[in-house]
Amino acid sequence: MASLERLSILGTATLLLLGAVAVVMAQTPRTGRDVSPMYDVKTETTITGTVEGVETVTGSGGRGRRNLGGIHLTVKTEKETVEVHVGPTAYLTEKGITLVKGDTIEVLGSRVTIDEESVVIARQIKKGDNTWALRDGAGRPLWRGRGR
């Protein structure tokens, strides 16, 4: 019986400790490479330029793009060259979105800084007569929650 009581106390103590850790983690600001950049409608901008490169980033990470796997474009505008995060490869394939080097595109997106690099997270891309929505008006990805 004493063994069961000790086991019960140990289990309760473990649950309390895990709960305390969860509370502390929820209240601790996350900084640096642990934070996935969020779409911010206050930083929306429209850029027009030529696709100079298309890169498929697998998983999370790579050159400061933590949690931004998928298709990334290098777009040259009149003023700058900027990286554009488009979205997950599977979503783009499903929607028939193809972007290649040399395409002239217009990107509506949120300009954010990741590891001191300015990038644009695309909400909408226009190429010729095609317009593709990637996020809703609040910046929520359209590929999230599919199949529910």
Protein backbone atom coordinates (compact mmCIF):
# COMPACT_ATOMS: atom_id res chain seq x y z
CA MET A 1 0.00 0.00 0.00
CA ALA A 2 2.81 2.40 0.85
CA SER A 3 4.29 1.70 -2.58
CA LEU A 4 1.03 2.71 -4.29
CA GLU A 5 0.83 5.90 -2.23
CA ARG A 6 4.39 6.84 -3.21
CA LEU A 7 3.59 6.11 -6.85
CA SER A 8 0.47 8.25 -6.65
CA ILE A 9 2.36 11.12 -4.99
CA LEU A 10 5.14 10.83 -7.56
CA GLY A 11 2.59 10.89 -10.41
CA THR A 12 0.84 13.93 -8.96
CA ALA A 13 4.15 15.74 -8.44
CA THR A 14 5.17 14.97 -12.02
CA LEU A 15 1.89 16.35 -13.39
CA LEU A 16 2.24 19.51 -11.28
CA LEU A 17 5.81 20.02 -12.50
CA LEU A 18 4.82 19.54 -16.14
CA GLY A 19 1.95 21.99 -15.68
CA ALA A 20 4.28 24.58 -14.15
CA VAL A 21 6.76 24.18 -17.00
CA ALA A 22 3.96 24.65 -19.54
CA VAL A 23 2.79 27.85 -17.81
CA VAL A 24 6.33 29.28 -17.72
CA MET A 25 6.92 28.41 -21.40
CA ALA A 26 3.63 30.01 -22.43
CA GLN A 27 4.55 33.23 -20.62
CA THR A 28 8.18 33.39 -21.80
CA PRO A 29 8.67 35.55 -24.89
CA ARG A 30 10.22 33.58 -27.72
CA THR A 31 13.00 35.24 -29.62
CA GLY A 32 15.56 34.48 -32.25
CA ARG A 33 15.52 31.39 -34.39
CA ASP A 34 12.77 29.66 -32.37
CA VAL A 35 10.03 31.95 -33.64
CA SER A 36 8.27 31.47 -36.93
CA PRO A 37 7.62 34.88 -38.49
CA MET A 38 3.99 35.83 -38.56
CA TYR A 39 2.16 37.51 -41.38
CA ASP A 40 1.49 41.11 -40.38
CA VAL A 41 -1.16 42.98 -42.39
CA LYS A 42 0.35 46.25 -41.13
CA THR A 43 3.48 45.55 -43.17
CA GLU A 44 1.73 44.60 -46.40
CA THR A 45 3.43 45.73 -49.53
CA THR A 46 3.18 45.02 -53.23
CA ILE A 47 6.30 44.29 -55.24
CA THR A 48 6.64 43.72 -58.97
CA GLY A 49 9.65 42.08 -60.48
CA THR A 50 11.29 39.21 -62.26
CA VAL A 51 11.85 35.80 -60.70
CA GLU A 52 15.62 35.33 -60.56
CA GLY A 53 15.53 32.02 -58.72
CA VAL A 54 13.20 29.34 -57.40
CA GLU A 55 14.25 27.23 -54.42
CA THR A 56 12.50 24.38 -52.65
CA VAL A 57 13.33 24.46 -48.95
CA THR A 58 12.61 21.20 -47.19
CA GLY A 59 11.66 20.97 -43.53
CA SER A 60 12.13 23.91 -41.27
CA GLY A 61 15.20 26.01 -41.43
CA GLY A 62 17.91 26.94 -43.82
CA ARG A 63 19.45 30.37 -44.13
CA GLY A 64 17.30 31.86 -41.37
CA ARG A 65 13.99 30.58 -42.70
CA ARG A 66 13.00 28.56 -39.65
CA ASN A 67 9.56 27.02 -40.10
CA LEU A 68 9.31 28.40 -43.62
CA GLY A 69 9.81 25.29 -45.69
CA GLY A 70 8.35 25.26 -49.19
CA ILE A 71 8.89 27.37 -52.28
CA HIS A 72 11.04 30.49 -52.02
CA LEU A 73 11.60 32.95 -54.83
CA THR A 74 14.33 35.47 -55.40
CA VAL A 75 12.59 38.43 -57.04
CA LYS A 76 14.44 41.37 -58.59
CA THR A 77 12.49 44.62 -58.58
CA GLU A 78 13.62 48.00 -59.89
CA LYS A 79 14.99 48.86 -56.43
CA GLU A 80 16.10 45.62 -54.81
CA THR A 81 16.34 41.86 -54.83
CA VAL A 82 14.09 40.25 -52.23
CA GLU A 83 13.31 36.74 -51.06
CA VAL A 84 9.64 35.80 -51.24
CA HIS A 85 8.21 32.88 -49.28
CA VAL A 86 5.36 31.50 -51.36
CA GLY A 87 4.07 28.44 -49.52
CA PRO A 88 4.31 24.67 -49.17
CA THR A 89 5.32 22.81 -52.30
CA ALA A 90 2.40 20.36 -52.04
CA TYR A 91 -0.14 23.20 -51.84
CA LEU A 92 1.31 24.97 -54.87
CA THR A 93 1.33 21.73 -56.86
CA GLU A 94 -2.28 20.99 -55.86
CA LYS A 95 -3.38 24.46 -57.01
CA GLY A 96 -1.39 24.29 -60.25
CA ILE A 97 0.81 27.24 -59.29
CA THR A 98 4.02 27.22 -61.31
CA LEU A 99 6.67 29.88 -61.03
CA VAL A 100 9.95 29.71 -62.93
CA LYS A 101 13.01 31.84 -63.45
CA GLY A 102 12.21 34.69 -65.82
CA ASP A 103 8.54 35.06 -64.83
CA THR A 104 7.33 38.60 -64.22
CA ILE A 105 5.14 38.62 -61.12
CA GLU A 106 3.36 40.92 -58.73
CA VAL A 107 3.40 39.87 -55.09
CA LEU A 108 1.13 41.20 -52.34
CA GLY A 109 2.61 40.19 -49.03
CA SER A 110 3.92 41.04 -45.61
CA ARG A 111 7.47 42.33 -45.35
CA VAL A 112 9.10 40.83 -42.27
CA THR A 113 12.65 40.43 -40.99
CA ILE A 114 14.10 36.96 -40.43
CA ASP A 115 17.61 36.78 -38.99
CA GLU A 116 18.23 40.38 -40.06
CA GLU A 117 17.12 39.65 -43.64
CA SER A 118 14.10 41.41 -45.15
CA VAL A 119 11.73 38.92 -46.80
CA VAL A 120 8.16 39.00 -48.09
CA ILE A 121 5.63 36.37 -47.06
CA ALA A 122 3.26 36.18 -50.03
CA ARG A 123 -0.51 36.49 -49.62
CA GLN A 124 -1.29 36.75 -53.33
CA ILE A 125 0.71 36.35 -56.52
CA LYS A 126 -0.22 37.56 -60.00
CA LYS A 127 1.47 36.21 -63.11
CA GLY A 128 0.00 37.22 -66.45
CA ASP A 129 -3.75 36.53 -66.33
CA ASN A 130 -3.43 34.28 -63.26
CA THR A 131 -3.96 35.45 -59.70
CA TRP A 132 -3.34 32.98 -56.88
CA ALA A 133 -4.47 33.53 -53.30
CA LEU A 134 -2.14 31.93 -50.74
CA ARG A 135 -3.49 33.50 -47.55
CA ASP A 136 -6.75 35.10 -46.51
CA GLY A 137 -7.15 38.83 -45.79
CA ALA A 138 -5.85 38.38 -42.25
CA GLY A 139 -2.77 36.54 -43.52
CA ARG A 140 -3.83 33.04 -42.44
CA PRO A 141 -2.47 30.37 -44.80
CA LEU A 142 -5.13 28.82 -47.03
CA TRP A 143 -3.38 25.44 -46.79
CA ARG A 144 -4.00 25.23 -43.02
CA GLY A 145 -6.93 23.18 -41.79
CA ARG A 146 -7.63 21.49 -45.11
CA GLY A 147 -9.42 18.16 -44.86
CA ARG A 148 -11.34 18.97 -41.70
